[in-house]
Amino acid sequence: MFRSFLCILGFIYLISCTGTYEENQKRLKELHGECNNPSQPLTKTQKKRCMAKEMAEGESLFGIAEGNFSDIFGRSKEKNVIYQSPVNSYLWRASLEITSSYPLKIADSQGGYIETDWIIDKNNQTQRCIIKINIFSAELISTAVASRFICENKSNDLWVSDNNNYIEEEKQLTLKILKLGNDLANTAIQ
C-alpha cells in the first residue's frame, strides 16, 4: 500500500515537473531570446548564426515583418537562414589593389564586379581600354576570378572595337589577382 502511494506521488511529481520545465524554457527564451538563453549555451559560431537568423526573422528597415514578404509573394516562410559572404574577401582586396592605379567606374563588392573607367595612354590617344573583373565565389579557388580586357580605337572621332582577344593579358591579370589574394590569406592566418 505504501509503495503504491509512493508510485502515485512520484507519477504526479513527474507530470507537474514536465509542465514546469517546458514553461521555464519558454519563459527563459522570451526573456533572453534564443541566442542568449542561459539554459542553452552556444559556441561563438552557433551564436553568430543564431543572431543572424534572429535579425533576418525580425522587422526589416521598412517596418515589414519577414513573414509579410512571404505572404505578399505567396512563398512559404523559410526558417533556415544562411549567412555567407558572396565573394572571397582576399580576392576582392587583391582585385582592388591591382586596379588601384586606374579610375574605377564600378566596384560592387556584393556582386563581385569591378570595372575600370576607360584607360587612355597619354602617348597613344587613339586607343583606349577597359578592365573588367568578376569574382564568382566565396572560396579562394582558381576558378573564382575572371578578368577581361576590351579595347577600342578612335576612327573619325568614333570609338570602334579593335576586335582583338587579349587572352594572354587576361590570364596574367587573373593569375596576379589569385597570387595576391593567396598572399593576403596567408598573411591573415599568421
Protein backbone atom coordinates (compact mmCIF):
# COMPACT_ATOMS: atom_id res chain seq x y z
CA MET A 1 0.00 0.00 0.00
CA PHE A 2 2.79 2.40 0.95
CA ARG A 3 4.60 1.53 -2.31
CA SER A 4 1.52 2.28 -4.36
CA PHE A 5 1.18 5.60 -2.59
CA LEU A 6 4.85 6.45 -3.37
CA CYS A 7 4.43 5.42 -7.03
CA ILE A 8 1.32 7.61 -7.41
CA LEU A 9 3.06 10.51 -5.66
CA GLY A 10 6.16 10.08 -7.87
CA PHE A 11 4.00 9.95 -11.00
CA ILE A 12 2.20 13.19 -10.01
CA TYR A 13 5.56 14.84 -9.29
CA LEU A 14 6.92 13.86 -12.74
CA ILE A 15 3.84 15.18 -14.52
CA SER A 16 4.00 18.52 -12.67
CA CYS A 17 7.76 18.90 -13.30
CA THR A 18 7.42 18.27 -17.02
CA GLY A 19 4.98 21.12 -17.48
CA THR A 20 7.06 23.44 -15.29
CA TYR A 21 10.29 22.68 -17.18
CA GLU A 22 8.73 23.49 -20.56
CA GLU A 23 7.17 26.66 -19.17
CA ASN A 24 10.51 27.72 -17.67
CA GLN A 25 12.29 27.11 -21.01
CA LYS A 26 9.65 29.14 -22.82
CA ARG A 27 9.93 31.95 -20.28
CA LEU A 28 13.77 31.99 -20.49
CA LYS A 29 13.57 32.09 -24.30
CA GLU A 30 11.17 35.04 -24.20
CA LEU A 31 13.24 36.84 -21.56
CA HIS A 32 16.73 36.34 -23.04
CA GLY A 33 15.99 35.41 -26.64
CA GLU A 34 17.02 32.18 -28.28
CA CYS A 35 20.65 33.20 -28.78
CA ASN A 36 21.34 34.38 -25.21
CA ASN A 37 19.34 31.72 -23.36
CA PRO A 38 21.49 30.67 -20.35
CA SER A 39 19.97 27.18 -20.32
CA GLN A 40 21.27 26.55 -23.86
CA PRO A 41 24.90 27.76 -24.14
CA LEU A 42 26.11 28.19 -27.74
CA THR A 43 29.57 28.28 -29.29
CA LYS A 44 30.71 31.53 -30.95
CA THR A 45 29.84 30.23 -34.41
CA GLN A 46 26.43 28.96 -33.30
CA LYS A 47 25.72 32.29 -31.60
CA LYS A 48 26.66 34.30 -34.75
CA ARG A 49 24.37 32.14 -36.87
CA CYS A 50 21.59 32.40 -34.30
CA MET A 51 21.92 36.20 -34.16
CA ALA A 52 21.88 36.44 -37.98
CA LYS A 53 18.78 34.24 -38.05
CA GLU A 54 17.03 36.37 -35.42
CA MET A 55 17.87 39.56 -37.34
CA ALA A 56 16.61 38.04 -40.60
CA GLU A 57 13.33 36.96 -38.99
CA GLY A 58 12.70 40.30 -37.27
CA GLU A 59 11.39 43.60 -38.55
CA SER A 60 13.01 44.97 -41.67
CA LEU A 61 14.26 48.52 -42.08
CA PHE A 62 10.89 49.39 -43.59
CA GLY A 63 8.87 48.03 -40.65
CA ILE A 64 7.59 45.00 -42.56
CA ALA A 65 7.95 41.70 -40.75
CA GLU A 66 9.72 38.93 -42.63
CA GLY A 67 6.58 36.79 -42.71
CA ASN A 68 4.67 39.51 -44.56
CA PHE A 69 7.02 39.30 -47.55
CA SER A 70 6.25 35.59 -47.77
CA ASP A 71 2.53 36.38 -47.76
CA ILE A 72 2.90 39.06 -50.44
CA PHE A 73 4.83 36.83 -52.84
CA GLY A 74 2.99 33.63 -51.97
CA ARG A 75 6.06 31.83 -50.71
CA SER A 76 6.30 29.73 -47.60
CA LYS A 77 8.17 31.14 -44.62
CA GLU A 78 11.64 29.64 -44.67
CA LYS A 79 13.22 29.08 -41.25
CA ASN A 80 16.78 28.26 -42.34
CA VAL A 81 18.93 31.36 -42.74
CA ILE A 82 22.43 31.02 -44.15
CA TYR A 83 24.81 33.94 -43.71
CA GLN A 84 27.62 33.90 -46.22
CA SER A 85 29.73 36.49 -47.95
CA PRO A 86 29.06 36.38 -51.69
CA VAL A 87 32.70 36.88 -52.72
CA ASN A 88 36.07 35.98 -51.30
CA SER A 89 37.39 38.97 -49.38
CA TYR A 90 41.05 38.25 -50.23
CA LEU A 91 40.35 38.09 -53.96
CA TRP A 92 38.25 41.24 -53.68
CA ARG A 93 41.03 43.14 -51.89
CA ALA A 94 43.62 41.83 -54.38
CA SER A 95 41.48 42.99 -57.32
CA LEU A 96 41.06 46.44 -55.79
CA GLU A 97 44.77 46.73 -55.08
CA ILE A 98 45.74 45.70 -58.63
CA THR A 99 43.30 48.17 -60.21
CA SER A 100 44.11 50.97 -57.74
CA SER A 101 46.17 52.92 -60.29
CA TYR A 102 43.16 53.21 -62.62
CA PRO A 103 39.94 55.17 -62.14
CA LEU A 104 37.13 52.78 -61.21
CA LYS A 105 33.73 53.06 -62.80
CA ILE A 106 32.09 50.22 -60.79
CA ALA A 107 33.21 48.41 -57.63
CA ASP A 108 30.39 46.15 -56.44
CA SER A 109 31.57 44.01 -53.52
CA GLN A 110 28.25 42.19 -53.18
CA GLY A 111 28.17 41.17 -56.83
CA GLY A 112 31.94 40.71 -57.05
CA TYR A 113 32.35 43.02 -60.03
CA ILE A 114 34.97 45.66 -60.78
CA GLU A 115 35.12 47.76 -63.92
CA THR A 116 37.62 50.49 -64.63
CA ASP A 117 36.81 53.64 -66.49
CA TRP A 118 38.35 53.92 -69.95
CA ILE A 119 42.14 53.86 -69.74
CA ILE A 120 43.93 56.01 -72.29
CA ASP A 121 47.68 56.03 -72.65
CA LYS A 122 48.94 59.62 -72.89
CA ASN A 123 51.37 58.54 -75.67
CA ASN A 124 48.59 56.97 -77.75
CA GLN A 125 45.37 58.99 -77.59
CA THR A 126 43.71 56.93 -80.34
CA GLN A 127 43.33 53.74 -78.28
CA ARG A 128 41.52 53.12 -75.02
CA CYS A 129 40.92 50.01 -72.93
CA ILE A 130 38.72 48.94 -70.07
CA ILE A 131 39.32 46.19 -67.49
CA LYS A 132 36.50 44.06 -66.09
CA ILE A 133 36.98 41.65 -63.18
CA ASN A 134 34.42 39.18 -61.85
CA ILE A 135 34.73 37.25 -58.60
CA PHE A 136 32.38 34.27 -58.63
CA SER A 137 32.94 32.51 -55.32
CA ALA A 138 33.39 33.00 -51.61
CA GLU A 139 36.17 30.42 -51.77
CA LEU A 140 39.78 31.12 -52.66
CA ILE A 141 39.95 28.88 -55.73
CA SER A 142 41.41 29.33 -59.21
CA THR A 143 38.01 29.40 -60.92
CA ALA A 144 36.73 32.17 -58.64
CA VAL A 145 38.16 35.01 -60.74
CA ALA A 146 37.85 36.04 -64.37
CA SER A 147 39.19 39.17 -66.00
CA ARG A 148 38.51 40.75 -69.33
CA PHE A 149 40.14 43.45 -71.45
CA ILE A 150 38.14 45.41 -74.02
CA CYS A 151 39.93 47.89 -76.25
CA GLU A 152 38.75 50.40 -78.81
CA ASN A 153 40.44 52.51 -81.44
CA LYS A 154 39.44 56.03 -82.45
CA SER A 155 38.41 56.34 -86.06
CA ASN A 156 36.87 59.55 -87.44
CA ASP A 157 36.01 60.78 -83.93
CA LEU A 158 34.23 57.49 -83.14
CA TRP A 159 35.42 54.77 -80.81
CA VAL A 160 35.30 51.35 -82.50
CA SER A 161 36.14 47.95 -81.01
CA ASP A 162 39.54 46.69 -82.10
CA ASN A 163 38.13 43.11 -82.19
CA ASN A 164 41.27 41.70 -80.61
CA ASN A 165 41.30 38.95 -77.99
CA TYR A 166 43.57 39.71 -75.08
CA ILE A 167 43.61 36.16 -73.74
CA GLU A 168 47.22 36.21 -72.50
CA GLU A 169 46.81 39.60 -70.77
CA GLU A 170 43.55 38.46 -69.13
CA LYS A 171 45.21 35.24 -67.95
CA GLN A 172 48.17 37.17 -66.50
CA LEU A 173 45.86 39.58 -64.66
CA THR A 174 43.78 36.71 -63.25
CA LEU A 175 46.93 34.91 -62.06
CA LYS A 176 48.20 38.11 -60.46
CA ILE A 177 44.89 38.53 -58.56
CA LEU A 178 44.96 34.88 -57.42
CA LYS A 179 48.58 35.17 -56.22
CA LEU A 180 47.98 38.40 -54.32
CA GLY A 181 44.73 37.01 -52.85
CA ASN A 182 46.58 33.91 -51.68
CA ASP A 183 49.35 36.05 -50.18
CA LEU A 184 46.77 38.14 -48.30
CA ALA A 185 45.07 34.99 -46.99
CA ASN A 186 48.39 33.53 -45.82
CA THR A 187 49.31 36.81 -44.10
CA ALA A 188 45.96 36.84 -42.28
CA ILE A 189 46.49 33.28 -40.98
CA GLN A 190 49.91 34.03 -39.47
